[in-house]
């Protein structure tokens, strides 16, 4: 079974399309190679995934994303139409990010000192 697509360019495909090995030009000619590709493209939930999800960096990313989405909603309501994530992201970074980060860092420091 050969499912290779000549000339497939995975750099210009949406991420969902890259789940299909044939669309990114991977040759699958044995059941073992198919299993390797499927396992590589669909990693199991592991302790490493839990470690990442519980990391401080990931939690900060989620908190920042929530602030951007809140900003997007507020600005979209003001304008009467959806401004889009990219516009909200850039606007929030320019206007609010450094103050938000400073306040968040201060709150985290205060929180850690009260636990001691």
C-alpha atoms as a PDB file:
ATOM      1  CA  UNK A   1       0.000   0.000   0.000  1.00  0.00           C
ATOM      2  CA  UNK A   2       1.612   3.248  -1.141  1.00  0.00           C
ATOM      3  CA  UNK A   3      -0.204   6.448  -0.118  1.00  0.00           C
ATOM      4  CA  UNK A   4       2.507   8.967  -0.977  1.00  0.00           C
ATOM      5  CA  UNK A   5       1.364  12.141  -2.732  1.00  0.00           C
ATOM      6  CA  UNK A   6       4.152  13.538  -4.923  1.00  0.00           C
ATOM      7  CA  UNK A   7       4.787  17.225  -4.492  1.00  0.00           C
ATOM      8  CA  UNK A   8       2.763  17.534  -1.280  1.00  0.00           C
ATOM      9  CA  UNK A   9       3.953  20.563   0.599  1.00  0.00           C
ATOM     10  CA  UNK A  10       3.120  20.258   4.292  1.00  0.00           C
ATOM     11  CA  UNK A  11       4.333  23.764   5.088  1.00  0.00           C
ATOM     12  CA  UNK A  12       1.224  25.286   3.497  1.00  0.00           C
ATOM     13  CA  UNK A  13      -1.407  22.931   4.915  1.00  0.00           C
ATOM     14  CA  UNK A  14      -3.581  23.652   7.915  1.00  0.00           C
ATOM     15  CA  UNK A  15      -2.588  21.731  11.024  1.00  0.00           C
ATOM     16  CA  UNK A  16      -5.628  19.448  10.739  1.00  0.00           C
ATOM     17  CA  UNK A  17      -4.512  18.338   7.280  1.00  0.00           C
ATOM     18  CA  UNK A  18      -1.133  17.271   8.650  1.00  0.00           C
ATOM     19  CA  UNK A  19      -2.892  14.530  10.605  1.00  0.00           C
ATOM     20  CA  UNK A  20      -3.223  12.665   7.292  1.00  0.00           C
ATOM     21  CA  UNK A  21       0.197  11.153   6.441  1.00  0.00           C
ATOM     22  CA  UNK A  22      -0.581  11.031   2.722  1.00  0.00           C
ATOM     23  CA  UNK A  23      -1.102  14.789   2.606  1.00  0.00           C
ATOM     24  CA  UNK A  24       2.393  15.517   3.863  1.00  0.00           C
ATOM     25  CA  UNK A  25       4.159  13.093   1.550  1.00  0.00           C
ATOM     26  CA  UNK A  26       4.912  10.286   4.001  1.00  0.00           C
ATOM     27  CA  UNK A  27       5.311   6.932   2.284  1.00  0.00           C
ATOM     28  CA  UNK A  28       3.426   4.167   4.073  1.00  0.00           C
ATOM     29  CA  UNK A  29       4.166   0.806   2.507  1.00  0.00           C
ATOM     30  CA  UNK A  30       4.047  -1.598   5.475  1.00  0.00           C
ATOM     31  CA  UNK A  31       1.752  -2.001   8.471  1.00  0.00           C
ATOM     32  CA  UNK A  32       4.713  -1.172  10.761  1.00  0.00           C
ATOM     33  CA  UNK A  33       5.337   2.150   9.037  1.00  0.00           C
ATOM     34  CA  UNK A  34       1.638   2.959   9.315  1.00  0.00           C
ATOM     35  CA  UNK A  35       1.710   2.228  13.065  1.00  0.00           C
ATOM     36  CA  UNK A  36       4.816   4.411  13.501  1.00  0.00           C
ATOM     37  CA  UNK A  37       3.169   7.337  11.714  1.00  0.00           C
ATOM     38  CA  UNK A  38      -0.118   6.980  13.604  1.00  0.00           C
ATOM     39  CA  UNK A  39       1.701   6.790  16.953  1.00  0.00           C
ATOM     40  CA  UNK A  40       3.882   9.800  16.118  1.00  0.00           C
ATOM     41  CA  UNK A  41       0.933  11.934  15.025  1.00  0.00           C
ATOM     42  CA  UNK A  42      -1.316  10.961  17.939  1.00  0.00           C
ATOM     43  CA  UNK A  43       0.867  10.862  21.052  1.00  0.00           C
ATOM     44  CA  UNK A  44      -0.764   9.231  24.067  1.00  0.00           C
ATOM     45  CA  UNK A  45      -1.618  11.235  27.157  1.00  0.00           C
ATOM     46  CA  UNK A  46       1.431  10.747  29.340  1.00  0.00           C
ATOM     47  CA  UNK A  47       2.994  12.075  32.465  1.00  0.00           C
ATOM     48  CA  UNK A  48       4.937  14.493  30.248  1.00  0.00           C
ATOM     49  CA  UNK A  49       1.678  16.038  29.006  1.00  0.00           C
ATOM     50  CA  UNK A  50       0.533  16.411  32.610  1.00  0.00           C
ATOM     51  CA  UNK A  51       3.886  17.939  33.525  1.00  0.00           C
ATOM     52  CA  UNK A  52       3.527  20.538  30.780  1.00  0.00           C
ATOM     53  CA  UNK A  53      -0.082  21.333  31.687  1.00  0.00           C
ATOM     54  CA  UNK A  54       0.907  21.832  35.326  1.00  0.00           C
ATOM     55  CA  UNK A  55       3.945  23.979  34.541  1.00  0.00           C
ATOM     56  CA  UNK A  56       4.082  27.618  35.574  1.00  0.00           C
ATOM     57  CA  UNK A  57       4.856  28.665  32.002  1.00  0.00           C
ATOM     58  CA  UNK A  58       1.749  26.947  30.620  1.00  0.00           C
ATOM     59  CA  UNK A  59      -0.426  28.416  33.382  1.00  0.00           C
ATOM     60  CA  UNK A  60       0.919  31.886  32.572  1.00  0.00           C
ATOM     61  CA  UNK A  61       0.186  31.320  28.887  1.00  0.00           C
ATOM     62  CA  UNK A  62      -3.408  30.353  29.721  1.00  0.00           C
ATOM     63  CA  UNK A  63      -3.861  33.388  31.975  1.00  0.00           C
ATOM     64  CA  UNK A  64      -2.510  35.716  29.289  1.00  0.00           C
ATOM     65  CA  UNK A  65      -4.713  34.108  26.634  1.00  0.00           C
ATOM     66  CA  UNK A  66      -7.756  34.607  28.874  1.00  0.00           C
ATOM     67  CA  UNK A  67      -6.924  38.300  29.215  1.00  0.00           C
ATOM     68  CA  UNK A  68      -6.559  38.645  25.435  1.00  0.00           C
ATOM     69  CA  UNK A  69      -9.900  36.900  24.852  1.00  0.00           C
ATOM     70  CA  UNK A  70     -11.538  39.159  27.452  1.00  0.00           C
ATOM     71  CA  UNK A  71     -10.041  42.197  25.680  1.00  0.00           C
ATOM     72  CA  UNK A  72     -11.292  40.851  22.331  1.00  0.00           C
ATOM     73  CA  UNK A  73     -14.818  40.515  23.696  1.00  0.00           C
ATOM     74  CA  UNK A  74     -14.840  44.018  25.231  1.00  0.00           C
ATOM     75  CA  UNK A  75     -13.452  45.708  22.102  1.00  0.00           C
ATOM     76  CA  UNK A  76     -15.777  43.731  19.819  1.00  0.00           C
ATOM     77  CA  UNK A  77     -18.768  44.810  21.911  1.00  0.00           C
ATOM     78  CA  UNK A  78     -17.652  48.454  21.708  1.00  0.00           C
ATOM     79  CA  UNK A  79     -17.333  48.305  17.915  1.00  0.00           C
ATOM     80  CA  UNK A  80     -20.426  46.190  17.310  1.00  0.00           C
ATOM     81  CA  UNK A  81     -18.545  43.474  15.419  1.00  0.00           C
ATOM     82  CA  UNK A  82     -15.901  40.822  16.044  1.00  0.00           C
ATOM     83  CA  UNK A  83     -12.459  42.432  15.815  1.00  0.00           C
ATOM     84  CA  UNK A  84     -10.657  39.087  15.502  1.00  0.00           C
ATOM     85  CA  UNK A  85      -8.027  37.492  17.682  1.00  0.00           C
ATOM     86  CA  UNK A  86      -4.973  38.966  15.917  1.00  0.00           C
ATOM     87  CA  UNK A  87      -6.194  42.559  16.260  1.00  0.00           C
ATOM     88  CA  UNK A  88      -7.140  41.974  19.894  1.00  0.00           C
ATOM     89  CA  UNK A  89      -3.771  40.353  20.576  1.00  0.00           C
ATOM     90  CA  UNK A  90      -1.743  43.220  19.116  1.00  0.00           C
ATOM     91  CA  UNK A  91      -3.928  45.865  20.762  1.00  0.00           C
ATOM     92  CA  UNK A  92      -3.695  44.145  24.164  1.00  0.00           C
ATOM     93  CA  UNK A  93       0.087  43.701  23.891  1.00  0.00           C
ATOM     94  CA  UNK A  94       0.603  47.371  23.011  1.00  0.00           C
ATOM     95  CA  UNK A  95      -1.779  48.793  25.608  1.00  0.00           C
ATOM     96  CA  UNK A  96      -1.912  46.402  28.544  1.00  0.00           C
ATOM     97  CA  UNK A  97       0.614  43.564  28.558  1.00  0.00           C
ATOM     98  CA  UNK A  98       3.484  45.100  30.488  1.00  0.00           C
ATOM     99  CA  UNK A  99       1.220  46.496  33.219  1.00  0.00           C
ATOM    100  CA  UNK A 100      -0.670  43.174  33.418  1.00  0.00           C
ATOM    101  CA  UNK A 101       2.589  41.231  33.724  1.00  0.00           C
ATOM    102  CA  UNK A 102       3.920  43.556  36.413  1.00  0.00           C
ATOM    103  CA  UNK A 103       0.715  43.294  38.431  1.00  0.00           C
ATOM    104  CA  UNK A 104       0.608  39.524  37.993  1.00  0.00           C
ATOM    105  CA  UNK A 105       4.247  39.110  39.060  1.00  0.00           C
ATOM    106  CA  UNK A 106       3.616  41.297  42.114  1.00  0.00           C
ATOM    107  CA  UNK A 107       0.511  39.277  43.037  1.00  0.00           C
ATOM    108  CA  UNK A 108       2.423  35.991  42.645  1.00  0.00           C
ATOM    109  CA  UNK A 109       5.282  37.315  44.827  1.00  0.00           C
ATOM    110  CA  UNK A 110       2.831  38.478  47.484  1.00  0.00           C
ATOM    111  CA  UNK A 111       1.052  35.152  47.354  1.00  0.00           C
ATOM    112  CA  UNK A 112       4.292  33.189  47.785  1.00  0.00           C
ATOM    113  CA  UNK A 113       5.436  35.345  50.728  1.00  0.00           C
ATOM    114  CA  UNK A 114       2.139  34.865  52.567  1.00  0.00           C
ATOM    115  CA  UNK A 115       2.457  31.070  52.255  1.00  0.00           C
ATOM    116  CA  UNK A 116       5.844  31.106  54.004  1.00  0.00           C
END
